[in-house]
Protein backbone atom coordinates (compact mmCIF):
# COMPACT_ATOMS: atom_id res chain seq x y z
CA UNK A 1 4.14 -18.02 3.39
CA UNK A 2 1.12 -19.61 1.71
CA UNK A 3 -0.65 -20.13 5.03
CA UNK A 4 0.45 -16.86 6.64
CA UNK A 5 -0.85 -14.78 3.73
CA UNK A 6 -3.85 -16.94 2.81
CA UNK A 7 -2.71 -17.51 -0.77
CA UNK A 8 -4.75 -19.77 -3.05
CA UNK A 9 -4.11 -21.96 -6.06
CA UNK A 10 -3.89 -19.71 -9.11
CA UNK A 11 -2.40 -16.74 -7.26
CA UNK A 12 0.83 -15.66 -8.92
CA UNK A 13 3.36 -14.32 -6.44
CA UNK A 14 5.97 -11.83 -7.54
CA UNK A 15 6.69 -8.11 -7.64
CA UNK A 16 4.82 -5.05 -8.85
CA UNK A 17 6.78 -5.45 -12.11
CA UNK A 18 4.30 -7.45 -14.19
CA UNK A 19 7.09 -8.74 -16.43
CA UNK A 20 8.77 -10.50 -13.49
CA UNK A 21 6.43 -13.23 -12.27
CA UNK A 22 7.43 -15.25 -9.24
CA UNK A 23 9.62 -14.50 -6.24
CA UNK A 24 12.97 -13.19 -7.41
CA UNK A 25 16.06 -13.31 -5.23
CA UNK A 26 16.65 -9.58 -5.67
CA UNK A 27 13.15 -8.83 -4.35
CA UNK A 28 13.77 -10.35 -0.91
CA UNK A 29 15.06 -7.04 0.42
CA UNK A 30 11.52 -5.66 0.25
CA UNK A 31 8.94 -6.16 2.98
CA UNK A 32 6.11 -6.99 0.61
CA UNK A 33 5.30 -9.53 -2.05
CA UNK A 34 2.83 -8.96 -4.84
CA UNK A 35 0.03 -11.26 -5.90
CA UNK A 36 -1.61 -11.47 -9.31
CA UNK A 37 -5.09 -12.40 -8.11
CA UNK A 38 -6.41 -14.41 -11.02
CA UNK A 39 -8.07 -17.24 -9.15
CA UNK A 40 -9.29 -20.16 -11.21
CA UNK A 41 -10.85 -17.87 -13.82
CA UNK A 42 -13.01 -15.92 -11.34
CA UNK A 43 -14.06 -12.49 -12.53
CA UNK A 44 -13.91 -10.88 -9.09
CA UNK A 45 -12.99 -12.18 -5.67
CA UNK A 46 -12.10 -10.99 -2.18
CA UNK A 47 -8.80 -10.85 -0.33
CA UNK A 48 -9.09 -9.94 3.35
CA UNK A 49 -12.47 -8.35 2.71
CA UNK A 50 -11.34 -6.22 -0.25
CA UNK A 51 -12.33 -7.08 -3.83
CA UNK A 52 -10.00 -7.19 -6.81
CA UNK A 53 -10.45 -7.59 -10.54
CA UNK A 54 -8.78 -10.32 -12.57
CA UNK A 55 -5.71 -8.27 -13.50
CA UNK A 56 -5.23 -6.32 -10.29
CA UNK A 57 -1.97 -6.46 -8.40
CA UNK A 58 -1.83 -5.75 -4.70
CA UNK A 59 0.86 -5.84 -2.05
CA UNK A 60 0.75 -8.55 0.60
CA UNK A 61 2.94 -7.83 3.59
CA UNK A 62 5.33 -10.59 4.55
CA UNK A 63 7.08 -10.58 7.89
CA UNK A 64 10.76 -9.70 7.77
CA UNK A 65 11.51 -12.96 9.59
CA UNK A 66 9.80 -14.92 6.82
CA UNK A 67 11.71 -13.04 4.12
CA UNK A 68 14.94 -13.81 5.97
CA UNK A 69 13.99 -17.50 6.01
CA UNK A 70 13.33 -17.45 2.26
CA UNK A 71 16.66 -15.70 1.63
CA UNK A 72 18.41 -18.24 3.88
CA UNK A 73 16.81 -21.05 1.88
CA UNK A 74 17.99 -19.46 -1.36
CA UNK A 75 21.54 -18.93 -0.07
CA UNK A 76 21.77 -22.48 1.29
CA UNK A 77 20.78 -23.92 -2.08
CA UNK A 78 22.74 -21.32 -4.10
CA UNK A 79 19.55 -20.14 -5.78
CA UNK A 80 19.38 -16.92 -7.76
CA UNK A 81 16.82 -15.34 -10.06
CA UNK A 82 13.36 -16.89 -9.76
CA UNK A 83 13.33 -19.05 -6.64
CA UNK A 84 10.22 -21.21 -7.06
CA UNK A 85 9.07 -22.48 -10.43
CA UNK A 86 5.91 -24.47 -9.71
CA UNK A 87 2.86 -24.22 -11.94
CA UNK A 88 -0.76 -24.43 -10.82
CA UNK A 89 -1.09 -27.71 -12.73
CA UNK A 90 1.90 -29.16 -10.88
CA UNK A 91 0.38 -28.18 -7.53
CA UNK A 92 -2.83 -29.99 -8.43
CA UNK A 93 -0.94 -33.12 -9.47
CA UNK A 94 0.93 -33.15 -6.16
CA UNK A 95 -2.37 -32.69 -4.32
CA UNK A 96 -3.91 -35.64 -6.13
CA UNK A 97 -0.84 -37.77 -5.39
CA UNK A 98 -1.05 -36.87 -1.69
CA UNK A 99 -4.78 -37.65 -1.57
CA UNK A 100 -4.20 -41.11 -3.04
CA UNK A 101 -1.34 -41.86 -0.62
CA UNK A 102 -3.44 -40.62 2.33
CA UNK A 103 -6.34 -42.85 1.18
CA UNK A 104 -8.78 -39.94 1.13
CA UNK A 105 -12.22 -41.05 -0.13
CA UNK A 106 -13.06 -39.74 -3.60
CA UNK A 107 -9.47 -38.57 -4.00
CA UNK A 108 -10.18 -37.52 -7.58
CA UNK A 109 -12.33 -34.66 -6.26
CA UNK A 110 -9.74 -33.35 -3.80
CA UNK A 111 -8.20 -29.97 -4.58
CA UNK A 112 -5.71 -27.80 -2.64
CA UNK A 113 -8.50 -25.65 -1.13
CA UNK A 114 -10.29 -28.69 0.30
CA UNK A 115 -7.04 -29.97 1.80
CA UNK A 116 -6.06 -26.67 3.40
CA UNK A 117 -9.50 -26.25 4.96
CA UNK A 118 -8.91 -29.51 6.79
CA UNK A 119 -5.57 -28.43 8.24
CA UNK A 120 -5.03 -26.70 11.56
CA UNK A 121 -3.31 -23.42 10.77
CA UNK A 122 -0.92 -23.63 13.70
CA UNK A 123 0.74 -26.86 14.81
CA UNK A 124 0.18 -28.19 18.36
CA UNK A 125 3.49 -26.69 19.54
CA UNK A 126 1.84 -23.26 19.33
CA UNK A 127 -1.03 -24.23 21.61
CA UNK A 128 -0.86 -23.31 25.28
CA UNK A 129 -1.77 -25.86 27.94
CA UNK A 130 -4.60 -24.22 29.91
CA UNK A 131 -4.86 -27.07 32.38
CA UNK A 132 -4.94 -25.96 36.01
CA UNK A 133 -6.43 -22.55 35.29
CA UNK A 134 -9.65 -21.56 37.01
CA UNK A 135 -12.61 -22.88 35.01
CA UNK A 136 -14.80 -19.85 35.79
CA UNK A 137 -12.11 -17.45 34.60
CA UNK A 138 -11.64 -19.50 31.43
CA UNK A 139 -15.36 -19.20 30.67
CA UNK A 140 -15.22 -15.46 31.28
CA UNK A 141 -12.22 -15.16 28.96
CA UNK A 142 -14.11 -17.02 26.24
CA UNK A 143 -16.90 -14.44 26.42
CA UNK A 144 -14.36 -11.70 25.66
CA UNK A 145 -12.47 -13.66 22.99
CA UNK A 146 -14.63 -12.52 20.03
CA UNK A 147 -14.08 -8.86 20.94
CA UNK A 148 -10.31 -9.42 21.07
CA UNK A 149 -10.39 -11.16 17.67
CA UNK A 150 -12.37 -8.31 16.11
CA UNK A 151 -10.06 -5.67 17.60
CA UNK A 152 -6.98 -7.60 16.47
CA UNK A 153 -8.27 -7.98 12.90
CA UNK A 154 -9.27 -4.34 12.50
CA UNK A 155 -6.06 -2.92 13.96
CA UNK A 156 -3.74 -5.33 12.13
CA UNK A 157 -5.76 -4.85 8.95
CA UNK A 158 -5.36 -1.08 9.19
CA UNK A 159 -1.58 -1.44 9.58
CA UNK A 160 -1.40 -3.67 6.53
CA UNK A 161 -3.61 -1.37 4.49
CA UNK A 162 -1.60 1.73 5.41
CA UNK A 163 1.68 0.00 4.53
CA UNK A 164 0.22 -1.33 1.30
CA UNK A 165 -1.19 1.96 0.05
CA UNK A 166 1.78 4.07 1.14
CA UNK A 167 4.22 1.66 -0.50
CA UNK A 168 2.22 1.75 -3.73
CA UNK A 169 2.20 5.55 -3.72
CA UNK A 170 5.61 6.44 -2.30
CA UNK A 171 7.79 3.26 -2.61
CA UNK A 172 9.11 1.27 0.35
CA UNK A 173 10.91 4.36 1.71
CA UNK A 174 7.62 5.98 2.69
CA UNK A 175 8.15 5.63 6.46
CA UNK A 176 11.39 7.59 6.36
CA UNK A 177 10.23 10.13 3.77
CA UNK A 178 6.50 10.71 4.39
CA UNK A 179 5.96 10.21 8.13
CA UNK A 180 6.48 13.19 10.42
CA UNK A 181 9.52 13.16 12.70
CA UNK A 182 7.43 13.17 15.89
CA UNK A 183 5.80 9.84 15.05
CA UNK A 184 9.09 8.36 13.92
CA UNK A 185 10.69 9.41 17.21
CA UNK A 186 7.80 7.94 19.22
CA UNK A 187 8.19 4.58 17.51
CA UNK A 188 11.99 4.62 17.87
CA UNK A 189 11.60 5.36 21.60
CA UNK A 190 9.19 2.43 22.02
CA UNK A 191 11.59 0.10 20.23
CA UNK A 192 14.53 1.29 22.35
CA UNK A 193 12.55 0.85 25.58
CA UNK A 194 11.41 -2.61 24.54
CA UNK A 195 14.93 -3.68 23.65
CA UNK A 196 16.24 -2.47 27.01
CA UNK A 197 13.56 -4.21 29.08
CA UNK A 198 12.80 -7.39 27.12
CA UNK A 199 16.21 -7.75 25.43
CA UNK A 200 14.51 -8.26 22.06
CA UNK A 201 12.22 -6.50 19.59
CA UNK A 202 8.82 -7.99 18.79
CA UNK A 203 9.31 -6.67 15.25
CA UNK A 204 11.67 -4.56 13.18
CA UNK A 205 8.68 -3.11 11.35
CA UNK A 206 7.93 0.34 12.81
CA UNK A 207 4.26 -0.07 11.93
CA UNK A 208 3.92 -2.70 14.64
CA UNK A 209 4.55 0.05 17.22
CA UNK A 210 1.94 2.49 15.97
CA UNK A 211 -1.32 3.01 17.84
CA UNK A 212 -4.66 2.96 16.08
CA UNK A 213 -4.93 6.75 16.48
CA UNK A 214 -1.49 7.19 14.92
CA UNK A 215 -2.62 5.03 12.01
CA UNK A 216 -5.65 7.27 11.70
CA UNK A 217 -3.43 10.35 11.55
CA UNK A 218 -1.52 8.84 8.60
CA UNK A 219 -4.77 8.05 6.81
CA UNK A 220 -6.11 11.57 7.37
CA UNK A 221 -2.93 13.19 6.06
CA UNK A 222 -2.94 11.02 2.93
CA UNK A 223 -6.71 10.64 2.53
CA UNK A 224 -6.51 10.83 -1.26
CA UNK A 225 -4.95 7.35 -1.43
CA UNK A 226 -7.29 5.80 1.17
CA UNK A 227 -10.68 7.26 0.24
CA UNK A 228 -11.61 4.34 -2.01
CA UNK A 229 -11.06 1.92 0.88
CA UNK A 230 -13.61 3.62 3.16
CA UNK A 231 -16.69 4.47 1.15
CA UNK A 232 -18.56 6.27 3.98
CA UNK A 233 -15.99 9.05 4.14
CA UNK A 234 -13.32 10.35 6.48
CA UNK A 235 -15.65 11.69 9.18
CA UNK A 236 -17.40 8.32 9.58
CA UNK A 237 -14.07 6.50 9.67
CA UNK A 238 -12.70 8.89 12.29
CA UNK A 239 -15.76 8.37 14.50
CA UNK A 240 -15.56 4.58 14.20
CA UNK A 241 -11.85 4.46 14.97
CA UNK A 242 -12.29 6.72 18.00
CA UNK A 243 -14.98 4.40 19.34
CA UNK A 244 -12.78 1.37 18.79
CA UNK A 245 -9.89 3.07 20.53
CA UNK A 246 -12.06 3.67 23.62
CA UNK A 247 -13.32 0.08 23.72
CA UNK A 248 -10.00 -1.63 22.97
CA UNK A 249 -8.64 -0.33 26.28
CA UNK A 250 -11.09 -2.61 28.08
CA UNK A 251 -9.96 -5.57 25.97
CA UNK A 252 -6.24 -4.75 26.32
CA UNK A 253 -6.47 -4.64 30.13
CA UNK A 254 -8.26 -8.00 30.36
CA UNK A 255 -11.45 -6.47 31.66
CA UNK A 256 -15.00 -7.39 30.68
CA UNK A 257 -17.54 -5.36 28.73
CA UNK A 258 -20.72 -4.15 30.31
CA UNK A 259 -23.95 -4.74 28.35
CA UNK A 260 -23.80 -1.12 27.19
CA UNK A 261 -20.24 -1.53 25.96
CA UNK A 262 -21.18 -4.71 24.11
CA UNK A 263 -23.94 -2.86 22.27
CA UNK A 264 -21.54 -0.02 21.50
CA UNK A 265 -19.02 -2.52 20.11
CA UNK A 266 -21.68 -4.13 17.92
CA UNK A 267 -22.69 -0.75 16.50
CA UNK A 268 -19.02 0.04 15.84
CA UNK A 269 -18.63 -3.27 13.98
CA UNK A 270 -21.71 -2.50 11.85
CA UNK A 271 -20.20 0.88 10.97
CA UNK A 272 -16.86 -0.74 10.12
CA UNK A 273 -18.48 -3.27 7.79
CA UNK A 274 -20.58 -0.56 6.13
CA UNK A 275 -17.44 1.37 5.19
CA UNK A 276 -15.80 -1.51 3.31
CA UNK A 277 -16.06 -1.48 -0.50
CA UNK A 278 -18.48 -4.06 -1.90
């Protein structure tokens, strides 16, 4: 969970109820955790490109699979109430102990952030052996990789932002209560088709089946709760998202951008960055 959600030492994980710090067993039914972003006394800092004050709380989406794993851990060890009771000071002591055992030079200067920056986020078992593939095609794929990464981050970030803001405003029942029936039916149909053909669902979260234009329709309908996240206004956001939607088709179908499309993508990225709060 720490790696998946990019948590840092000093973040306090819990619920939106400020009186209940930490992960409580009863909270595992939700699909979000909450983080008190007071990081090592910093006055302001960024989380996924958005800035928060010292006493701000914000939702961080956690995959349902991960929440099930945490609940399984709690049930196996008969844990109830607050599940993890580790202080920031204790984490630092464990880090120092590890640094000494690992014979890291200047171990007294090592902190959790330095250690995590030296780790590979995903273990080798998640890496695909590309041996035997055509070298020319591999080089061509590398040229398109940055565009895929940018598209992935923007689209996934929009899903997380929509879920976060809608949950804050309307509780975790917002999908059932605030999303029109046509969109709900479209997502349900996609899930049913996927289950019939692949024999499994990639996710139980309906948001994972929404298109970027469907996300935009939710934002437009509830613009009052999103306007502070896009400082250039709704019209500029709509134009940027429409451009991204046109270009992502090229990426999704494993094609390559022309020089004109590359320039268009760069302009779209500049617009996207300009809309983010500073």
